Each structure stands twice: as C-alpha cells, then as structure tokens.
C-alpha atoms as a PDB file:
ATOM      1  CA  MET A   1      92.041 132.823  57.981  1.00  0.00           C
ATOM      2  CA  ARG A   2      88.449 132.058  58.898  1.00  0.00           C
ATOM      3  CA  SER A   3      87.188 134.953  56.774  1.00  0.00           C
ATOM      4  CA  HIS A   4      88.897 133.427  53.732  1.00  0.00           C
ATOM      5  CA  ASN A   5      87.352 130.017  54.429  1.00  0.00           C
ATOM      6  CA  PRO A   6      83.572 130.531  54.512  1.00  0.00           C
ATOM      7  CA  PHE A   7      82.825 126.820  53.958  1.00  0.00           C
ATOM      8  CA  SER A   8      85.104 125.630  56.787  1.00  0.00           C
ATOM      9  CA  ALA A   9      87.247 123.496  54.489  1.00  0.00           C
ATOM     10  CA  ASN A  10      90.299 121.852  56.018  1.00  0.00           C
ATOM     11  CA  THR A  11      93.229 124.257  56.042  1.00  0.00           C
ATOM     12  CA  ILE A  12      96.989 123.909  55.770  1.00  0.00           C
ATOM     13  CA  PHE A  13      99.128 126.835  56.882  1.00  0.00           C
ATOM     14  CA  VAL A  14     102.848 127.400  56.338  1.00  0.00           C
ATOM     15  CA  GLY A  15     104.558 130.167  58.279  1.00  0.00           C
ATOM     16  CA  ASP A  16     107.664 131.295  60.076  1.00  0.00           C
ATOM     17  CA  GLY A  17     107.024 134.443  62.105  1.00  0.00           C
ATOM     18  CA  LEU A  18     104.994 135.606  65.061  1.00  0.00           C
ATOM     19  CA  SER A  19     102.663 137.504  62.743  1.00  0.00           C
ATOM     20  CA  ASP A  20     101.508 134.053  61.566  1.00  0.00           C
ATOM     21  CA  LYS A  21     100.374 132.927  65.023  1.00  0.00           C
ATOM     22  CA  TYR A  22      96.708 133.799  64.462  1.00  0.00           C
ATOM     23  CA  ALA A  23      96.495 131.583  61.394  1.00  0.00           C
ATOM     24  CA  ALA A  24      98.399 128.814  63.183  1.00  0.00           C
ATOM     25  CA  ASP A  25      95.829 128.941  65.983  1.00  0.00           C
ATOM     26  CA  VAL A  26      92.973 128.033  63.623  1.00  0.00           C
ATOM     27  CA  ALA A  27      94.589 125.955  60.855  1.00  0.00           C
ATOM     28  CA  ASP A  28      94.009 122.212  60.731  1.00  0.00           C
ATOM     29  CA  VAL A  29      97.606 121.477  59.720  1.00  0.00           C
ATOM     30  CA  VAL A  30     100.502 123.803  60.525  1.00  0.00           C
ATOM     31  CA  PHE A  31     103.998 123.800  59.069  1.00  0.00           C
ATOM     32  CA  ALA A  32     106.170 126.137  61.128  1.00  0.00           C
ATOM     33  CA  LYS A  33     109.772 127.219  61.414  1.00  0.00           C
ATOM     34  CA  THR A  34     111.791 129.661  63.501  1.00  0.00           C
ATOM     35  CA  LYS A  35     109.688 131.914  65.739  1.00  0.00           C
ATOM     36  CA  LEU A  36     106.359 130.402  64.724  1.00  0.00           C
ATOM     37  CA  ALA A  37     107.596 126.908  65.583  1.00  0.00           C
ATOM     38  CA  ASP A  38     108.671 128.167  69.003  1.00  0.00           C
ATOM     39  CA  TYR A  39     105.266 129.809  69.505  1.00  0.00           C
ATOM     40  CA  CYS A  40     103.452 126.619  68.509  1.00  0.00           C
ATOM     41  CA  TYR A  41     105.572 124.537  70.865  1.00  0.00           C
ATOM     42  CA  GLU A  42     105.069 126.945  73.785  1.00  0.00           C
ATOM     43  CA  ASN A  43     101.303 127.025  73.199  1.00  0.00           C
ATOM     44  CA  SER A  44     100.844 123.293  72.553  1.00  0.00           C
ATOM     45  CA  ILE A  45      99.746 123.844  68.962  1.00  0.00           C
ATOM     46  CA  PRO A  46     100.408 120.700  66.914  1.00  0.00           C
ATOM     47  CA  HIS A  47     102.784 121.587  64.100  1.00  0.00           C
ATOM     48  CA  ASN A  48     105.290 120.180  61.661  1.00  0.00           C
ATOM     49  CA  ARG A  49     108.669 121.871  61.934  1.00  0.00           C
ATOM     50  CA  TYR A  50     110.397 122.531  58.611  1.00  0.00           C
ATOM     51  CA  ARG A  51     113.639 124.095  57.372  1.00  0.00           C
ATOM     52  CA  ASN A  52     112.686 124.816  53.755  1.00  0.00           C
ATOM     53  CA  LEU A  53     109.626 124.748  51.516  1.00  0.00           C
ATOM     54  CA  GLY A  54     110.913 121.654  49.754  1.00  0.00           C
ATOM     55  CA  GLN A  55     110.296 119.720  52.969  1.00  0.00           C
ATOM     56  CA  VAL A  56     106.738 121.051  53.136  1.00  0.00           C
ATOM     57  CA  ALA A  57     106.072 120.043  49.530  1.00  0.00           C
ATOM     58  CA  GLU A  58     107.513 116.579  50.152  1.00  0.00           C
ATOM     59  CA  SER A  59     105.370 116.103  53.274  1.00  0.00           C
ATOM     60  CA  LEU A  60     102.216 117.172  51.470  1.00  0.00           C
ATOM     61  CA  GLU A  61     102.983 114.932  48.517  1.00  0.00           C
ATOM     62  CA  LYS A  62     103.512 111.913  50.786  1.00  0.00           C
ATOM     63  CA  ALA A  63     100.303 112.667  52.674  1.00  0.00           C
ATOM     64  CA  LEU A  64      98.317 112.896  49.462  1.00  0.00           C
ATOM     65  CA  GLU A  65      99.850 109.699  48.093  1.00  0.00           C
ATOM     66  CA  SER A  66      98.963 107.826  51.274  1.00  0.00           C
ATOM     67  CA  CYS A  67      95.286 108.688  50.874  1.00  0.00           C
ATOM     68  CA  ALA A  68      95.179 108.609  47.063  1.00  0.00           C
ATOM     69  CA  LEU A  69      92.716 105.722  47.001  1.00  0.00           C
ATOM     70  CA  GLN A  70      90.282 107.731  49.128  1.00  0.00           C
ATOM     71  CA  ILE A  71      90.239 110.779  46.841  1.00  0.00           C
ATOM     72  CA  PRO A  72      87.300 110.837  44.399  1.00  0.00           C
ATOM     73  CA  ASP A  73      88.087 110.862  40.664  1.00  0.00           C
ATOM     74  CA  TYR A  74      86.912 114.446  40.186  1.00  0.00           C
ATOM     75  CA  ARG A  75      89.742 115.851  42.310  1.00  0.00           C
ATOM     76  CA  ILE A  76      92.870 117.027  40.546  1.00  0.00           C
ATOM     77  CA  ALA A  77      96.380 115.891  41.377  1.00  0.00           C
ATOM     78  CA  TRP A  78      98.389 118.052  43.768  1.00  0.00           C
ATOM     79  CA  SER A  79     100.955 118.776  41.044  1.00  0.00           C
ATOM     80  CA  GLU A  80      98.160 120.075  38.789  1.00  0.00           C
ATOM     81  CA  ALA A  81      96.950 122.444  41.519  1.00  0.00           C
ATOM     82  CA  ILE A  82     100.306 124.189  41.854  1.00  0.00           C
END
C-alpha cells in the first residue's frame, strides 16, 4: 500500500480476508469484515466492521458530508469520483 502512495496521502482500505492484513496495518481508515475484522480486533487495529459495501459507501458519504465545509472548492464530490 505504501508503494502505491508515494505522497503519503490519507488512505482508506476496505477488506475481508487475511491477505488484506498488511494493508490494514498501514491504512489510516480500515473497513473490515469476516477474517480481517477478527485480525484487526486481535491486533488492536482500529477498524469499522461492515457487512456489505453499501454500509461502507454510506459511512464514507456521511463522513464527507460532516466535513463538507472544510473541503476546498477545487475538490470534486465523492459521487463524481466514483
């Protein structure tokens, strides 16, 4: 994950398996389910447990809305980025 983020921008990671544990270790925000959620819990990695991607999208949308006044005008809306 670090190699794909050369400017150290904040990162959000969504995963569900043990193969995702390396990304979960370094991400700023982690959404995890099943085995990854268990791994995060056991290793005290802060995470947001989810059941489906709709919950992740809803959480991200609410987070962006709550800080909408702090986002400069040149940034695009989350829905435009998808």
